[in-house]
Amino acid sequence: MNELDSRKVLFDQLESSLEDAYKQGPDGIIEYLKALSYSLGAQVAIVSKPEHIPDMINEVMTTFGQGLQSGMLELHGLNGKFKVHVNGVIRT
């Protein structure tokens, strides 16, 4: 399976989960997005060395922005830019 096919399979799985969340109403959607965010954060921590986490967050958020841009254009006809730059991560 190539990278594009893998992304399509993952997107379809997430889309199915989102449809289930929609059935639960606004609170279900919020909980779905929070769970997805938590899982993504944990996965970044698992695959990254601590010193690489800011760069990984930049990559993930850049891709998030591309998805947001694409969705806003496709669904609402709105075109814009979303940029994030992480200067550092502080652990307390």
PDB file of N, CA and C in Angstrom:
ATOM      1  N   MET A   1       0.859  -1.177   0.000  1.00  0.00           N
ATOM      2  CA  MET A   1       0.000   0.000   0.000  1.00  0.00           C
ATOM      3  C   MET A   1       0.902   1.236   0.000  1.00  0.00           C
ATOM      4  N   ASN A   2       0.648   2.151  -0.929  1.00  0.00           N
ATOM      5  CA  ASN A   2       1.465   3.358  -0.985  1.00  0.00           C
ATOM      6  C   ASN A   2       0.951   4.413  -0.003  1.00  0.00           C
ATOM      7  N   GLU A   3       1.697   5.506   0.113  1.00  0.00           N
ATOM      8  CA  GLU A   3       1.365   6.554   1.092  1.00  0.00           C
ATOM      9  C   GLU A   3      -0.012   7.159   0.841  1.00  0.00           C
ATOM     10  N   LEU A   4      -0.359   7.382  -0.416  1.00  0.00           N
ATOM     11  CA  LEU A   4      -1.662   7.971  -0.740  1.00  0.00           C
ATOM     12  C   LEU A   4      -2.794   7.021  -0.343  1.00  0.00           C
ATOM     13  N   ASP A   5      -2.617   5.725  -0.609  1.00  0.00           N
ATOM     14  CA  ASP A   5      -3.633   4.747  -0.225  1.00  0.00           C
ATOM     15  C   ASP A   5      -3.775   4.687   1.293  1.00  0.00           C
ATOM     16  N   SER A   6      -2.640   4.726   2.004  1.00  0.00           N
ATOM     17  CA  SER A   6      -2.675   4.690   3.468  1.00  0.00           C
ATOM     18  C   SER A   6      -3.418   5.893   4.028  1.00  0.00           C
ATOM     19  N   ARG A   7      -3.160   7.063   3.462  1.00  0.00           N
ATOM     20  CA  ARG A   7      -3.850   8.281   3.914  1.00  0.00           C
ATOM     21  C   ARG A   7      -5.347   8.179   3.655  1.00  0.00           C
ATOM     22  N   LYS A   8      -5.731   7.618   2.511  1.00  0.00           N
ATOM     23  CA  LYS A   8      -7.146   7.473   2.161  1.00  0.00           C
ATOM     24  C   LYS A   8      -7.834   6.529   3.142  1.00  0.00           C
ATOM     25  N   VAL A   9      -7.195   5.414   3.483  1.00  0.00           N
ATOM     26  CA  VAL A   9      -7.777   4.461   4.430  1.00  0.00           C
ATOM     27  C   VAL A   9      -7.959   5.132   5.784  1.00  0.00           C
ATOM     28  N   LEU A  10      -6.925   5.840   6.242  1.00  0.00           N
ATOM     29  CA  LEU A  10      -7.009   6.532   7.528  1.00  0.00           C
ATOM     30  C   LEU A  10      -8.098   7.603   7.498  1.00  0.00           C
ATOM     31  N   PHE A  11      -8.148   8.384   6.430  1.00  0.00           N
ATOM     32  CA  PHE A  11      -9.169   9.427   6.305  1.00  0.00           C
ATOM     33  C   PHE A  11     -10.564   8.814   6.366  1.00  0.00           C
ATOM     34  N   ASP A  12     -10.764   7.705   5.672  1.00  0.00           N
ATOM     35  CA  ASP A  12     -12.078   7.052   5.675  1.00  0.00           C
ATOM     36  C   ASP A  12     -12.445   6.555   7.071  1.00  0.00           C
ATOM     37  N   GLN A  13     -11.466   6.013   7.816  1.00  0.00           N
ATOM     38  CA  GLN A  13     -11.725   5.560   9.182  1.00  0.00           C
ATOM     39  C   GLN A  13     -12.113   6.733  10.078  1.00  0.00           C
ATOM     40  N   LEU A  14     -11.384   7.842   9.954  1.00  0.00           N
ATOM     41  CA  LEU A  14     -11.692   9.024  10.755  1.00  0.00           C
ATOM     42  C   LEU A  14     -13.053   9.602  10.372  1.00  0.00           C
ATOM     43  N   GLU A  15     -13.359   9.580   9.093  1.00  0.00           N
ATOM     44  CA  GLU A  15     -14.657  10.084   8.616  1.00  0.00           C
ATOM     45  C   GLU A  15     -15.795   9.256   9.213  1.00  0.00           C
ATOM     46  N   SER A  16     -15.613   7.954   9.276  1.00  0.00           N
ATOM     47  CA  SER A  16     -16.629   7.078   9.865  1.00  0.00           C
ATOM     48  C   SER A  16     -16.810   7.389  11.355  1.00  0.00           C
ATOM     49  N   SER A  17     -15.700   7.606  12.062  1.00  0.00           N
ATOM     50  CA  SER A  17     -15.779   7.955  13.489  1.00  0.00           C
ATOM     51  C   SER A  17     -16.467   9.300  13.681  1.00  0.00           C
ATOM     52  N   LEU A  18     -16.193  10.240  12.787  1.00  0.00           N
ATOM     53  CA  LEU A  18     -16.832  11.555  12.874  1.00  0.00           C
ATOM     54  C   LEU A  18     -18.336  11.430  12.645  1.00  0.00           C
ATOM     55  N   GLU A  19     -18.736  10.592  11.713  1.00  0.00           N
ATOM     56  CA  GLU A  19     -20.169  10.380  11.478  1.00  0.00           C
ATOM     57  C   GLU A  19     -20.844   9.819  12.720  1.00  0.00           C
ATOM     58  N   ASP A  20     -20.173   8.905  13.425  1.00  0.00           N
ATOM     59  CA  ASP A  20     -20.711   8.379  14.681  1.00  0.00           C
ATOM     60  C   ASP A  20     -20.833   9.493  15.723  1.00  0.00           C
ATOM     61  N   ALA A  21     -19.835  10.372  15.775  1.00  0.00           N
ATOM     62  CA  ALA A  21     -19.855  11.485  16.727  1.00  0.00           C
ATOM     63  C   ALA A  21     -20.994  12.446  16.414  1.00  0.00           C
ATOM     64  N   TYR A  22     -21.254  12.680  15.124  1.00  0.00           N
ATOM     65  CA  TYR A  22     -22.354  13.559  14.720  1.00  0.00           C
ATOM     66  C   TYR A  22     -23.688  13.085  15.287  1.00  0.00           C
ATOM     67  N   LYS A  23     -23.853  11.768  15.348  1.00  0.00           N
ATOM     68  CA  LYS A  23     -25.093  11.195  15.866  1.00  0.00           C
ATOM     69  C   LYS A  23     -25.307  11.533  17.340  1.00  0.00           C
ATOM     70  N   GLN A  24     -24.215  11.871  18.030  1.00  0.00           N
ATOM     71  CA  GLN A  24     -24.291  12.214  19.452  1.00  0.00           C
ATOM     72  C   GLN A  24     -24.466  13.723  19.665  1.00  0.00           C
ATOM     73  N   GLY A  25     -24.494  14.480  18.593  1.00  0.00           N
ATOM     74  CA  GLY A  25     -24.690  15.917  18.697  1.00  0.00           C
ATOM     75  C   GLY A  25     -23.393  16.671  18.931  1.00  0.00           C
ATOM     76  N   PRO A  26     -23.502  17.982  19.206  1.00  0.00           N
ATOM     77  CA  PRO A  26     -22.321  18.832  19.368  1.00  0.00           C
ATOM     78  C   PRO A  26     -21.335  18.326  20.428  1.00  0.00           C
ATOM     79  N   ASP A  27     -21.849  17.828  21.550  1.00  0.00           N
ATOM     80  CA  ASP A  27     -20.955  17.322  22.589  1.00  0.00           C
ATOM     81  C   ASP A  27     -20.173  16.106  22.100  1.00  0.00           C
ATOM     82  N   GLY A  28     -20.812  15.265  21.310  1.00  0.00           N
ATOM     83  CA  GLY A  28     -20.139  14.097  20.752  1.00  0.00           C
ATOM     84  C   GLY A  28     -19.028  14.488  19.801  1.00  0.00           C
ATOM     85  N   ILE A  29     -19.272  15.525  19.011  1.00  0.00           N
ATOM     86  CA  ILE A  29     -18.257  16.009  18.068  1.00  0.00           C
ATOM     87  C   ILE A  29     -17.067  16.578  18.836  1.00  0.00           C
ATOM     88  N   ILE A  30     -17.331  17.367  19.852  1.00  0.00           N
ATOM     89  CA  ILE A  30     -16.246  17.944  20.660  1.00  0.00           C
ATOM     90  C   ILE A  30     -15.428  16.833  21.309  1.00  0.00           C
ATOM     91  N   GLU A  31     -16.104  15.835  21.886  1.00  0.00           N
ATOM     92  CA  GLU A  31     -15.390  14.722  22.523  1.00  0.00           C
ATOM     93  C   GLU A  31     -14.562  13.939  21.514  1.00  0.00           C
ATOM     94  N   TYR A  32     -15.094  13.757  20.325  1.00  0.00           N
ATOM     95  CA  TYR A  32     -14.355  13.072  19.259  1.00  0.00           C
ATOM     96  C   TYR A  32     -13.075  13.843  18.921  1.00  0.00           C
ATOM     97  N   LEU A  33     -13.201  15.156  18.722  1.00  0.00           N
ATOM     98  CA  LEU A  33     -12.027  15.965  18.367  1.00  0.00           C
ATOM     99  C   LEU A  33     -11.003  16.001  19.503  1.00  0.00           C
ATOM    100  N   LYS A  34     -11.482  16.057  20.747  1.00  0.00           N
ATOM    101  CA  LYS A  34     -10.563  16.034  21.888  1.00  0.00           C
ATOM    102  C   LYS A  34      -9.830  14.695  21.977  1.00  0.00           C
ATOM    103  N   ALA A  35     -10.545  13.604  21.765  1.00  0.00           N
ATOM    104  CA  ALA A  35      -9.915  12.280  21.803  1.00  0.00           C
ATOM    105  C   ALA A  35      -8.899  12.133  20.680  1.00  0.00           C
ATOM    106  N   LEU A  36      -9.251  12.624  19.511  1.00  0.00           N
ATOM    107  CA  LEU A  36      -8.352  12.573  18.366  1.00  0.00           C
ATOM    108  C   LEU A  36      -7.089  13.398  18.639  1.00  0.00           C
ATOM    109  N   SER A  37      -7.265  14.593  19.209  1.00  0.00           N
ATOM    110  CA  SER A  37      -6.127  15.455  19.536  1.00  0.00           C
ATOM    111  C   SER A  37      -5.220  14.824  20.580  1.00  0.00           C
ATOM    112  N   TYR A  38      -5.828  14.235  21.602  1.00  0.00           N
ATOM    113  CA  TYR A  38      -5.056  13.581  22.655  1.00  0.00           C
ATOM    114  C   TYR A  38      -4.236  12.422  22.073  1.00  0.00           C
ATOM    115  N   SER A  39      -4.891  11.625  21.244  1.00  0.00           N
ATOM    116  CA  SER A  39      -4.223  10.489  20.622  1.00  0.00           C
ATOM    117  C   SER A  39      -3.069  10.944  19.736  1.00  0.00           C
ATOM    118  N   LEU A  40      -3.292  11.983  18.963  1.00  0.00           N
ATOM    119  CA  LEU A  40      -2.245  12.517  18.093  1.00  0.00           C
ATOM    120  C   LEU A  40      -1.069  13.034  18.918  1.00  0.00           C
ATOM    121  N   GLY A  41      -1.361  13.749  20.003  1.00  0.00           N
ATOM    122  CA  GLY A  41      -0.297  14.231  20.878  1.00  0.00           C
ATOM    123  C   GLY A  41       0.512  13.092  21.471  1.00  0.00           C
ATOM    124  N   ALA A  42      -0.180  12.048  21.918  1.00  0.00           N
ATOM    125  CA  ALA A  42       0.519  10.889  22.485  1.00  0.00           C
ATOM    126  C   ALA A  42       1.385  10.211  21.427  1.00  0.00           C
ATOM    127  N   GLN A  43       0.880  10.115  20.204  1.00  0.00           N
ATOM    128  CA  GLN A  43       1.657   9.484  19.143  1.00  0.00           C
ATOM    129  C   GLN A  43       2.888  10.303  18.787  1.00  0.00           C
ATOM    130  N   VAL A  44       2.766  11.627  18.776  1.00  0.00           N
ATOM    131  CA  VAL A  44       3.938  12.482  18.540  1.00  0.00           C
ATOM    132  C   VAL A  44       4.986  12.228  19.616  1.00  0.00           C
ATOM    133  N   ALA A  45       4.545  12.133  20.867  1.00  0.00           N
ATOM    134  CA  ALA A  45       5.481  11.882  21.966  1.00  0.00           C
ATOM    135  C   ALA A  45       6.156  10.522  21.818  1.00  0.00           C
ATOM    136  N   ILE A  46       5.416   9.530  21.357  1.00  0.00           N
ATOM    137  CA  ILE A  46       5.959   8.185  21.212  1.00  0.00           C
ATOM    138  C   ILE A  46       7.029   8.123  20.126  1.00  0.00           C
ATOM    139  N   VAL A  47       6.797   8.796  19.021  1.00  0.00           N
ATOM    140  CA  VAL A  47       7.709   8.664  17.873  1.00  0.00           C
ATOM    141  C   VAL A  47       8.806   9.723  17.827  1.00  0.00           C
ATOM    142  N   SER A  48       8.793  10.675  18.746  1.00  0.00           N
ATOM    143  CA  SER A  48       9.752  11.782  18.704  1.00  0.00           C
ATOM    144  C   SER A  48      10.662  11.780  19.914  1.00  0.00           C
ATOM    145  N   LYS A  49      11.890  12.161  19.676  1.00  0.00           N
ATOM    146  CA  LYS A  49      12.780  12.457  20.794  1.00  0.00           C
ATOM    147  C   LYS A  49      12.352  13.818  21.332  1.00  0.00           C
ATOM    148  N   PRO A  50      12.500  14.036  22.650  1.00  0.00           N
ATOM    149  CA  PRO A  50      12.035  15.308  23.229  1.00  0.00           C
ATOM    150  C   PRO A  50      12.544  16.549  22.495  1.00  0.00           C
ATOM    151  N   GLU A  51      13.774  16.530  22.050  1.00  0.00           N
ATOM    152  CA  GLU A  51      14.319  17.715  21.372  1.00  0.00           C
ATOM    153  C   GLU A  51      13.728  17.919  19.978  1.00  0.00           C
ATOM    154  N   HIS A  52      13.069  16.897  19.428  1.00  0.00           N
ATOM    155  CA  HIS A  52      12.466  17.015  18.097  1.00  0.00           C
ATOM    156  C   HIS A  52      10.976  17.340  18.142  1.00  0.00           C
ATOM    157  N   ILE A  53      10.402  17.364  19.331  1.00  0.00           N
ATOM    158  CA  ILE A  53       8.954  17.586  19.435  1.00  0.00           C
ATOM    159  C   ILE A  53       8.512  18.931  18.848  1.00  0.00           C
ATOM    160  N   PRO A  54       9.199  20.053  19.109  1.00  0.00           N
ATOM    161  CA  PRO A  54       8.732  21.300  18.475  1.00  0.00           C
ATOM    162  C   PRO A  54       8.682  21.211  16.949  1.00  0.00           C
ATOM    163  N   ASP A  55       9.685  20.580  16.331  1.00  0.00           N
ATOM    164  CA  ASP A  55       9.674  20.429  14.875  1.00  0.00           C
ATOM    165  C   ASP A  55       8.524  19.530  14.426  1.00  0.00           C
ATOM    166  N   MET A  56       8.275  18.464  15.181  1.00  0.00           N
ATOM    167  CA  MET A  56       7.182  17.553  14.839  1.00  0.00           C
ATOM    168  C   MET A  56       5.841  18.277  14.963  1.00  0.00           C
ATOM    169  N   ILE A  57       5.686  19.087  16.016  1.00  0.00           N
ATOM    170  CA  ILE A  57       4.447  19.855  16.179  1.00  0.00           C
ATOM    171  C   ILE A  57       4.271  20.817  15.000  1.00  0.00           C
ATOM    172  N   ASN A  58       5.356  21.468  14.578  1.00  0.00           N
ATOM    173  CA  ASN A  58       5.278  22.354  13.415  1.00  0.00           C
ATOM    174  C   ASN A  58       4.798  21.599  12.179  1.00  0.00           C
ATOM    175  N   GLU A  59       5.356  20.410  11.949  1.00  0.00           N
ATOM    176  CA  GLU A  59       4.951  19.616  10.791  1.00  0.00           C
ATOM    177  C   GLU A  59       3.487  19.222  10.870  1.00  0.00           C
ATOM    178  N   VAL A  60       3.079  18.730  12.032  1.00  0.00           N
ATOM    179  CA  VAL A  60       1.696  18.291  12.216  1.00  0.00           C
ATOM    180  C   VAL A  60       0.737  19.467  12.051  1.00  0.00           C
ATOM    181  N   MET A  61       1.059  20.600  12.651  1.00  0.00           N
ATOM    182  CA  MET A  61       0.169  21.756  12.570  1.00  0.00           C
ATOM    183  C   MET A  61       0.133  22.351  11.167  1.00  0.00           C
ATOM    184  N   THR A  62       1.242  22.282  10.439  1.00  0.00           N
ATOM    185  CA  THR A  62       1.247  22.747   9.054  1.00  0.00           C
ATOM    186  C   THR A  62       0.301  21.896   8.221  1.00  0.00           C
ATOM    187  N   THR A  63       0.362  20.591   8.415  1.00  0.00           N
ATOM    188  CA  THR A  63      -0.533  19.689   7.694  1.00  0.00           C
ATOM    189  C   THR A  63      -1.978  19.895   8.136  1.00  0.00           C
ATOM    190  N   PHE A  64      -2.189  20.127   9.440  1.00  0.00           N
ATOM    191  CA  PHE A  64      -3.517  20.454   9.961  1.00  0.00           C
ATOM    192  C   PHE A  64      -4.052  21.691   9.236  1.00  0.00           C
ATOM    193  N   GLY A  65      -3.219  22.706   9.104  1.00  0.00           N
ATOM    194  CA  GLY A  65      -3.611  23.933   8.422  1.00  0.00           C
ATOM    195  C   GLY A  65      -3.979  23.692   6.972  1.00  0.00           C
ATOM    196  N   GLN A  66      -3.235  22.807   6.310  1.00  0.00           N
ATOM    197  CA  GLN A  66      -3.547  22.485   4.911  1.00  0.00           C
ATOM    198  C   GLN A  66      -4.915  21.811   4.817  1.00  0.00           C
ATOM    199  N   GLY A  67      -5.193  20.911   5.748  1.00  0.00           N
ATOM    200  CA  GLY A  67      -6.501  20.255   5.763  1.00  0.00           C
ATOM    201  C   GLY A  67      -7.617  21.245   6.049  1.00  0.00           C
ATOM    202  N   LEU A  68      -7.368  22.152   6.994  1.00  0.00           N
ATOM    203  CA  LEU A  68      -8.352  23.180   7.333  1.00  0.00           C
ATOM    204  C   LEU A  68      -8.617  24.077   6.132  1.00  0.00           C
ATOM    205  N   GLN A  69      -7.555  24.494   5.465  1.00  0.00           N
ATOM    206  CA  GLN A  69      -7.676  25.332   4.274  1.00  0.00           C
ATOM    207  C   GLN A  69      -8.501  24.624   3.198  1.00  0.00           C
ATOM    208  N   SER A  70      -8.169  23.369   2.965  1.00  0.00           N
ATOM    209  CA  SER A  70      -8.851  22.588   1.937  1.00  0.00           C
ATOM    210  C   SER A  70     -10.334  22.420   2.278  1.00  0.00           C
ATOM    211  N   GLY A  71     -10.617  22.080   3.542  1.00  0.00           N
ATOM    212  CA  GLY A  71     -12.007  21.910   3.967  1.00  0.00           C
ATOM    213  C   GLY A  71     -12.803  23.192   3.879  1.00  0.00           C
ATOM    214  N   MET A  72     -12.209  24.303   4.297  1.00  0.00           N
ATOM    215  CA  MET A  72     -12.923  25.589   4.244  1.00  0.00           C
ATOM    216  C   MET A  72     -13.219  25.993   2.804  1.00  0.00           C
ATOM    217  N   LEU A  73     -12.281  25.724   1.901  1.00  0.00           N
ATOM    218  CA  LEU A  73     -12.495  26.063   0.503  1.00  0.00           C
ATOM    219  C   LEU A  73     -13.563  25.164  -0.116  1.00  0.00           C
ATOM    220  N   GLU A  74     -13.455  23.860   0.135  1.00  0.00           N
ATOM    221  CA  GLU A  74     -14.393  22.915  -0.467  1.00  0.00           C
ATOM    222  C   GLU A  74     -15.805  23.064   0.093  1.00  0.00           C
ATOM    223  N   LEU A  75     -15.918  23.223   1.418  1.00  0.00           N
ATOM    224  CA  LEU A  75     -17.243  23.239   2.040  1.00  0.00           C
ATOM    225  C   LEU A  75     -17.896  24.617   2.084  1.00  0.00           C
ATOM    226  N   HIS A  76     -17.078  25.654   2.204  1.00  0.00           N
ATOM    227  CA  HIS A  76     -17.640  26.995   2.415  1.00  0.00           C
ATOM    228  C   HIS A  76     -17.216  28.010   1.353  1.00  0.00           C
ATOM    229  N   GLY A  77     -16.362  27.608   0.435  1.00  0.00           N
ATOM    230  CA  GLY A  77     -15.899  28.526  -0.598  1.00  0.00           C
ATOM    231  C   GLY A  77     -14.981  29.609  -0.065  1.00  0.00           C
ATOM    232  N   LEU A  78     -14.427  29.391   1.132  1.00  0.00           N
ATOM    233  CA  LEU A  78     -13.545  30.388   1.741  1.00  0.00           C
ATOM    234  C   LEU A  78     -12.092  29.972   1.579  1.00  0.00           C
ATOM    235  N   ASN A  79     -11.267  30.900   1.158  1.00  0.00           N
ATOM    236  CA  ASN A  79      -9.848  30.617   0.981  1.00  0.00           C
ATOM    237  C   ASN A  79      -9.061  31.465   1.968  1.00  0.00           C
ATOM    238  N   GLY A  80      -8.144  30.859   2.665  1.00  0.00           N
ATOM    239  CA  GLY A  80      -7.321  31.579   3.636  1.00  0.00           C
ATOM    240  C   GLY A  80      -6.077  30.778   3.950  1.00  0.00           C
ATOM    241  N   LYS A  81      -5.283  31.301   4.846  1.00  0.00           N
ATOM    242  CA  LYS A  81      -4.051  30.624   5.228  1.00  0.00           C
ATOM    243  C   LYS A  81      -4.048  30.393   6.727  1.00  0.00           C
ATOM    244  N   PHE A  82      -3.427  29.309   7.125  1.00  0.00           N
ATOM    245  CA  PHE A  82      -3.301  28.944   8.525  1.00  0.00           C
ATOM    246  C   PHE A  82      -1.842  28.624   8.757  1.00  0.00           C
ATOM    247  N   LYS A  83      -1.184  29.423   9.577  1.00  0.00           N
ATOM    248  CA  LYS A  83       0.237  29.202   9.843  1.00  0.00           C
ATOM    249  C   LYS A  83       0.466  29.122  11.340  1.00  0.00           C
ATOM    250  N   VAL A  84       1.304  28.173  11.714  1.00  0.00           N
ATOM    251  CA  VAL A  84       1.688  28.021  13.120  1.00  0.00           C
ATOM    252  C   VAL A  84       3.187  27.827  13.146  1.00  0.00           C
ATOM    253  N   HIS A  85       3.834  28.463  14.097  1.00  0.00           N
ATOM    254  CA  HIS A  85       5.258  28.229  14.305  1.00  0.00           C
ATOM    255  C   HIS A  85       5.490  28.044  15.787  1.00  0.00           C
ATOM    256  N   VAL A  86       6.017  26.901  16.151  1.00  0.00           N
ATOM    257  CA  VAL A  86       6.295  26.604  17.555  1.00  0.00           C
ATOM    258  C   VAL A  86       7.750  26.969  17.834  1.00  0.00           C
ATOM    259  N   ASN A  87       7.928  27.861  18.802  1.00  0.00           N
ATOM    260  CA  ASN A  87       9.282  28.257  19.166  1.00  0.00           C
ATOM    261  C   ASN A  87       9.893  27.355  20.220  1.00  0.00           C
ATOM    262  N   GLY A  88       9.057  26.687  20.966  1.00  0.00           N
ATOM    263  CA  GLY A  88       9.562  25.798  21.995  1.00  0.00           C
ATOM    264  C   GLY A  88       8.436  25.135  22.745  1.00  0.00           C
ATOM    265  N   VAL A  89       8.773  24.080  23.416  1.00  0.00           N
ATOM    266  CA  VAL A  89       7.824  23.365  24.255  1.00  0.00           C
ATOM    267  C   VAL A  89       8.394  23.381  25.658  1.00  0.00           C
ATOM    268  N   ILE A  90       7.572  23.754  26.616  1.00  0.00           N
ATOM    269  CA  ILE A  90       8.036  23.836  28.011  1.00  0.00           C
ATOM    270  C   ILE A  90       7.367  22.736  28.806  1.00  0.00           C
ATOM    271  N   ARG A  91       8.172  21.975  29.502  1.00  0.00           N
ATOM    272  CA  ARG A  91       7.636  20.914  30.349  1.00  0.00           C
ATOM    273  C   ARG A  91       7.763  21.365  31.794  1.00  0.00           C
ATOM    274  N   THR A  92       6.663  21.259  32.540  1.00  0.00           N
ATOM    275  CA  THR A  92       6.703  21.647  33.958  1.00  0.00           C
ATOM    276  C   THR A  92       6.396  20.444  34.813  1.00  0.00           C
TER     277      THR A  92
END
